[in-house]
Amino acid sequence: MPKVSKNQRTDRGRGQQVKMAKVVVAEKKPNGQYRFREQMVPLDEVKRVAQAR
């Protein structure tokens, strides 16, 4: 059997994968500047997080 790099192995036995999305929200500070907040959420919860902001 030839030697295989650990980066090429595909049988790592990963469990169920969860699709994630990055949500970026711009918030305006009292001094007029903007602050950007990033949050990683599961893909199913993107609408709920977007409506909460």
PDB file of N, CA and C in Angstrom:
ATOM      1  N   MET A   1       0.852  -1.176   0.000  1.00  0.00           N
ATOM      2  CA  MET A   1       0.000   0.000   0.000  1.00  0.00           C
ATOM      3  C   MET A   1       0.895   1.237   0.000  1.00  0.00           C
ATOM      4  N   PRO A   2       0.659   2.177  -0.937  1.00  0.00           N
ATOM      5  CA  PRO A   2       1.503   3.383  -0.982  1.00  0.00           C
ATOM      6  C   PRO A   2       1.203   4.315   0.197  1.00  0.00           C
ATOM      7  N   LYS A   3       2.211   5.083   0.539  1.00  0.00           N
ATOM      8  CA  LYS A   3       2.053   6.036   1.636  1.00  0.00           C
ATOM      9  C   LYS A   3       1.131   7.177   1.195  1.00  0.00           C
ATOM     10  N   VAL A   4       0.173   7.535   2.048  1.00  0.00           N
ATOM     11  CA  VAL A   4      -0.799   8.581   1.736  1.00  0.00           C
ATOM     12  C   VAL A   4      -0.646   9.691   2.764  1.00  0.00           C
ATOM     13  N   SER A   5      -0.606  10.914   2.274  1.00  0.00           N
ATOM     14  CA  SER A   5      -0.512  12.067   3.166  1.00  0.00           C
ATOM     15  C   SER A   5      -1.783  12.190   3.996  1.00  0.00           C
ATOM     16  N   LYS A   6      -1.647  12.654   5.231  1.00  0.00           N
ATOM     17  CA  LYS A   6      -2.831  12.808   6.081  1.00  0.00           C
ATOM     18  C   LYS A   6      -3.798  13.847   5.522  1.00  0.00           C
ATOM     19  N   ASN A   7      -3.312  14.772   4.683  1.00  0.00           N
ATOM     20  CA  ASN A   7      -4.176  15.780   4.093  1.00  0.00           C
ATOM     21  C   ASN A   7      -5.002  15.229   2.934  1.00  0.00           C
ATOM     22  N   GLN A   8      -4.613  14.080   2.409  1.00  0.00           N
ATOM     23  CA  GLN A   8      -5.337  13.481   1.296  1.00  0.00           C
ATOM     24  C   GLN A   8      -6.350  12.446   1.754  1.00  0.00           C
ATOM     25  N   ARG A   9      -6.342  12.087   2.975  1.00  0.00           N
ATOM     26  CA  ARG A   9      -7.272  11.071   3.471  1.00  0.00           C
ATOM     27  C   ARG A   9      -8.686  11.643   3.479  1.00  0.00           C
ATOM     28  N   THR A  10      -9.615  10.857   3.024  1.00  0.00           N
ATOM     29  CA  THR A  10     -11.002  11.322   2.978  1.00  0.00           C
ATOM     30  C   THR A  10     -11.895  10.565   3.940  1.00  0.00           C
ATOM     31  N   ASP A  11     -11.390   9.539   4.572  1.00  0.00           N
ATOM     32  CA  ASP A  11     -12.211   8.711   5.468  1.00  0.00           C
ATOM     33  C   ASP A  11     -11.978   9.099   6.928  1.00  0.00           C
ATOM     34  N   ARG A  12     -12.198  10.326   7.244  1.00  0.00           N
ATOM     35  CA  ARG A  12     -11.908  10.808   8.597  1.00  0.00           C
ATOM     36  C   ARG A  12     -13.067  10.585   9.558  1.00  0.00           C
ATOM     37  N   GLY A  13     -14.164  10.023   9.078  1.00  0.00           N
ATOM     38  CA  GLY A  13     -15.262   9.673   9.973  1.00  0.00           C
ATOM     39  C   GLY A  13     -15.959  10.868  10.582  1.00  0.00           C
ATOM     40  N   ARG A  14     -16.122  11.889   9.817  1.00  0.00           N
ATOM     41  CA  ARG A  14     -16.808  13.074  10.348  1.00  0.00           C
ATOM     42  C   ARG A  14     -18.277  12.766  10.578  1.00  0.00           C
ATOM     43  N   GLY A  15     -18.845  13.393  11.567  1.00  0.00           N
ATOM     44  CA  GLY A  15     -20.264  13.220  11.868  1.00  0.00           C
ATOM     45  C   GLY A  15     -21.115  14.043  10.909  1.00  0.00           C
ATOM     46  N   GLN A  16     -22.283  14.315  11.334  1.00  0.00           N
ATOM     47  CA  GLN A  16     -23.201  15.088  10.512  1.00  0.00           C
ATOM     48  C   GLN A  16     -22.698  16.527  10.425  1.00  0.00           C
ATOM     49  N   GLN A  17     -22.610  17.055   9.200  1.00  0.00           N
ATOM     50  CA  GLN A  17     -22.116  18.410   9.016  1.00  0.00           C
ATOM     51  C   GLN A  17     -23.280  19.390   9.052  1.00  0.00           C
ATOM     52  N   VAL A  18     -23.046  20.543   9.647  1.00  0.00           N
ATOM     53  CA  VAL A  18     -24.057  21.583   9.737  1.00  0.00           C
ATOM     54  C   VAL A  18     -23.630  22.719   8.810  1.00  0.00           C
ATOM     55  N   LYS A  19     -24.509  23.111   7.905  1.00  0.00           N
ATOM     56  CA  LYS A  19     -24.214  24.222   7.003  1.00  0.00           C
ATOM     57  C   LYS A  19     -24.295  25.509   7.819  1.00  0.00           C
ATOM     58  N   MET A  20     -23.247  26.338   7.697  1.00  0.00           N
ATOM     59  CA  MET A  20     -23.175  27.575   8.461  1.00  0.00           C
ATOM     60  C   MET A  20     -23.167  28.762   7.516  1.00  0.00           C
ATOM     61  N   ALA A  21     -23.579  29.910   8.025  1.00  0.00           N
ATOM     62  CA  ALA A  21     -23.573  31.149   7.256  1.00  0.00           C
ATOM     63  C   ALA A  21     -23.020  32.255   8.147  1.00  0.00           C
ATOM     64  N   LYS A  22     -22.299  33.191   7.527  1.00  0.00           N
ATOM     65  CA  LYS A  22     -21.775  34.331   8.269  1.00  0.00           C
ATOM     66  C   LYS A  22     -22.737  35.496   8.075  1.00  0.00           C
ATOM     67  N   VAL A  23     -23.237  36.050   9.171  1.00  0.00           N
ATOM     68  CA  VAL A  23     -24.147  37.186   9.146  1.00  0.00           C
ATOM     69  C   VAL A  23     -23.354  38.415   9.582  1.00  0.00           C
ATOM     70  N   VAL A  24     -23.345  39.442   8.739  1.00  0.00           N
ATOM     71  CA  VAL A  24     -22.637  40.684   9.051  1.00  0.00           C
ATOM     72  C   VAL A  24     -23.683  41.778   9.216  1.00  0.00           C
ATOM     73  N   VAL A  25     -23.665  42.431  10.372  1.00  0.00           N
ATOM     74  CA  VAL A  25     -24.638  43.469  10.687  1.00  0.00           C
ATOM     75  C   VAL A  25     -23.906  44.785  10.905  1.00  0.00           C
ATOM     76  N   ALA A  26     -24.377  45.848  10.252  1.00  0.00           N
ATOM     77  CA  ALA A  26     -23.814  47.185  10.445  1.00  0.00           C
ATOM     78  C   ALA A  26     -24.646  47.915  11.490  1.00  0.00           C
ATOM     79  N   GLU A  27     -23.991  48.409  12.518  1.00  0.00           N
ATOM     80  CA  GLU A  27     -24.669  49.159  13.573  1.00  0.00           C
ATOM     81  C   GLU A  27     -24.075  50.556  13.628  1.00  0.00           C
ATOM     82  N   LYS A  28     -24.935  51.553  13.679  1.00  0.00           N
ATOM     83  CA  LYS A  28     -24.466  52.934  13.741  1.00  0.00           C
ATOM     84  C   LYS A  28     -24.297  53.354  15.194  1.00  0.00           C
ATOM     85  N   LYS A  29     -23.126  53.867  15.512  1.00  0.00           N
ATOM     86  CA  LYS A  29     -22.839  54.340  16.866  1.00  0.00           C
ATOM     87  C   LYS A  29     -23.396  55.750  17.041  1.00  0.00           C
ATOM     88  N   PRO A  30     -23.543  56.196  18.289  1.00  0.00           N
ATOM     89  CA  PRO A  30     -24.048  57.557  18.534  1.00  0.00           C
ATOM     90  C   PRO A  30     -23.162  58.655  17.939  1.00  0.00           C
ATOM     91  N   ASN A  31     -21.864  58.378  17.765  1.00  0.00           N
ATOM     92  CA  ASN A  31     -20.971  59.402  17.219  1.00  0.00           C
ATOM     93  C   ASN A  31     -20.961  59.414  15.692  1.00  0.00           C
ATOM     94  N   GLY A  32     -21.807  58.591  15.052  1.00  0.00           N
ATOM     95  CA  GLY A  32     -21.926  58.604  13.603  1.00  0.00           C
ATOM     96  C   GLY A  32     -21.099  57.552  12.884  1.00  0.00           C
ATOM     97  N   GLN A  33     -20.226  56.868  13.591  1.00  0.00           N
ATOM     98  CA  GLN A  33     -19.423  55.821  12.974  1.00  0.00           C
ATOM     99  C   GLN A  33     -20.221  54.517  12.929  1.00  0.00           C
ATOM    100  N   TYR A  34     -19.780  53.615  12.051  1.00  0.00           N
ATOM    101  CA  TYR A  34     -20.433  52.321  11.935  1.00  0.00           C
ATOM    102  C   TYR A  34     -19.541  51.240  12.518  1.00  0.00           C
ATOM    103  N   ARG A  35     -20.188  50.261  13.097  1.00  0.00           N
ATOM    104  CA  ARG A  35     -19.496  49.090  13.631  1.00  0.00           C
ATOM    105  C   ARG A  35     -20.102  47.871  12.949  1.00  0.00           C
ATOM    106  N   PHE A  36     -19.251  46.975  12.475  1.00  0.00           N
ATOM    107  CA  PHE A  36     -19.713  45.776  11.798  1.00  0.00           C
ATOM    108  C   PHE A  36     -19.524  44.587  12.719  1.00  0.00           C
ATOM    109  N   ARG A  37     -20.609  43.856  12.958  1.00  0.00           N
ATOM    110  CA  ARG A  37     -20.567  42.678  13.815  1.00  0.00           C
ATOM    111  C   ARG A  37     -20.766  41.447  12.953  1.00  0.00           C
ATOM    112  N   GLU A  38     -19.920  40.459  13.144  1.00  0.00           N
ATOM    113  CA  GLU A  38     -19.999  39.209  12.404  1.00  0.00           C
ATOM    114  C   GLU A  38     -20.430  38.096  13.357  1.00  0.00           C
ATOM    115  N   GLN A  39     -21.273  37.211  12.833  1.00  0.00           N
ATOM    116  CA  GLN A  39     -21.746  36.103  13.642  1.00  0.00           C
ATOM    117  C   GLN A  39     -21.924  34.889  12.736  1.00  0.00           C
ATOM    118  N   MET A  40     -21.436  33.735  13.171  1.00  0.00           N
ATOM    119  CA  MET A  40     -21.621  32.487  12.437  1.00  0.00           C
ATOM    120  C   MET A  40     -22.845  31.780  13.022  1.00  0.00           C
ATOM    121  N   VAL A  41     -23.834  31.510  12.167  1.00  0.00           N
ATOM    122  CA  VAL A  41     -25.064  30.863  12.611  1.00  0.00           C
ATOM    123  C   VAL A  41     -25.392  29.703  11.670  1.00  0.00           C
ATOM    124  N   PRO A  42     -26.134  28.720  12.152  1.00  0.00           N
ATOM    125  CA  PRO A  42     -26.581  27.656  11.252  1.00  0.00           C
ATOM    126  C   PRO A  42     -27.478  28.235  10.157  1.00  0.00           C
ATOM    127  N   LEU A  43     -27.435  27.630   8.986  1.00  0.00           N
ATOM    128  CA  LEU A  43     -28.157  28.146   7.825  1.00  0.00           C
ATOM    129  C   LEU A  43     -29.660  28.243   8.083  1.00  0.00           C
ATOM    130  N   ASP A  44     -30.196  27.369   8.913  1.00  0.00           N
ATOM    131  CA  ASP A  44     -31.629  27.388   9.204  1.00  0.00           C
ATOM    132  C   ASP A  44     -32.043  28.597  10.040  1.00  0.00           C
ATOM    133  N   GLU A  45     -31.109  29.218  10.744  1.00  0.00           N
ATOM    134  CA  GLU A  45     -31.448  30.315  11.649  1.00  0.00           C
ATOM    135  C   GLU A  45     -31.128  31.702  11.086  1.00  0.00           C
ATOM    136  N   VAL A  46     -30.745  31.796   9.823  1.00  0.00           N
ATOM    137  CA  VAL A  46     -30.339  33.087   9.250  1.00  0.00           C
ATOM    138  C   VAL A  46     -31.497  34.078   9.264  1.00  0.00           C
ATOM    139  N   LYS A  47     -32.684  33.663   8.844  1.00  0.00           N
ATOM    140  CA  LYS A  47     -33.834  34.572   8.815  1.00  0.00           C
ATOM    141  C   LYS A  47     -34.178  35.081  10.207  1.00  0.00           C
ATOM    142  N   ARG A  48     -34.123  34.183  11.213  1.00  0.00           N
ATOM    143  CA  ARG A  48     -34.459  34.592  12.576  1.00  0.00           C
ATOM    144  C   ARG A  48     -33.461  35.611  13.091  1.00  0.00           C
ATOM    145  N   VAL A  49     -32.183  35.402  12.813  1.00  0.00           N
ATOM    146  CA  VAL A  49     -31.148  36.329  13.277  1.00  0.00           C
ATOM    147  C   VAL A  49     -31.270  37.663  12.553  1.00  0.00           C
ATOM    148  N   ALA A  50     -31.571  37.633  11.252  1.00  0.00           N
ATOM    149  CA  ALA A  50     -31.689  38.871  10.472  1.00  0.00           C
ATOM    150  C   ALA A  50     -32.886  39.698  10.931  1.00  0.00           C
ATOM    151  N   GLN A  51     -33.982  39.055  11.308  1.00  0.00           N
ATOM    152  CA  GLN A  51     -35.155  39.782  11.773  1.00  0.00           C
ATOM    153  C   GLN A  51     -34.957  40.360  13.170  1.00  0.00           C
ATOM    154  N   ALA A  52     -34.119  39.734  13.961  1.00  0.00           N
ATOM    155  CA  ALA A  52     -33.880  40.204  15.326  1.00  0.00           C
ATOM    156  C   ALA A  52     -33.069  41.481  15.354  1.00  0.00           C
ATOM    157  N   ARG A  53     -32.366  41.782  14.279  1.00  0.00           N
ATOM    158  CA  ARG A  53     -31.520  42.979  14.243  1.00  0.00           C
ATOM    159  C   ARG A  53     -32.274  44.158  13.746  1.00  0.00           C
TER     160      ARG A  53
END
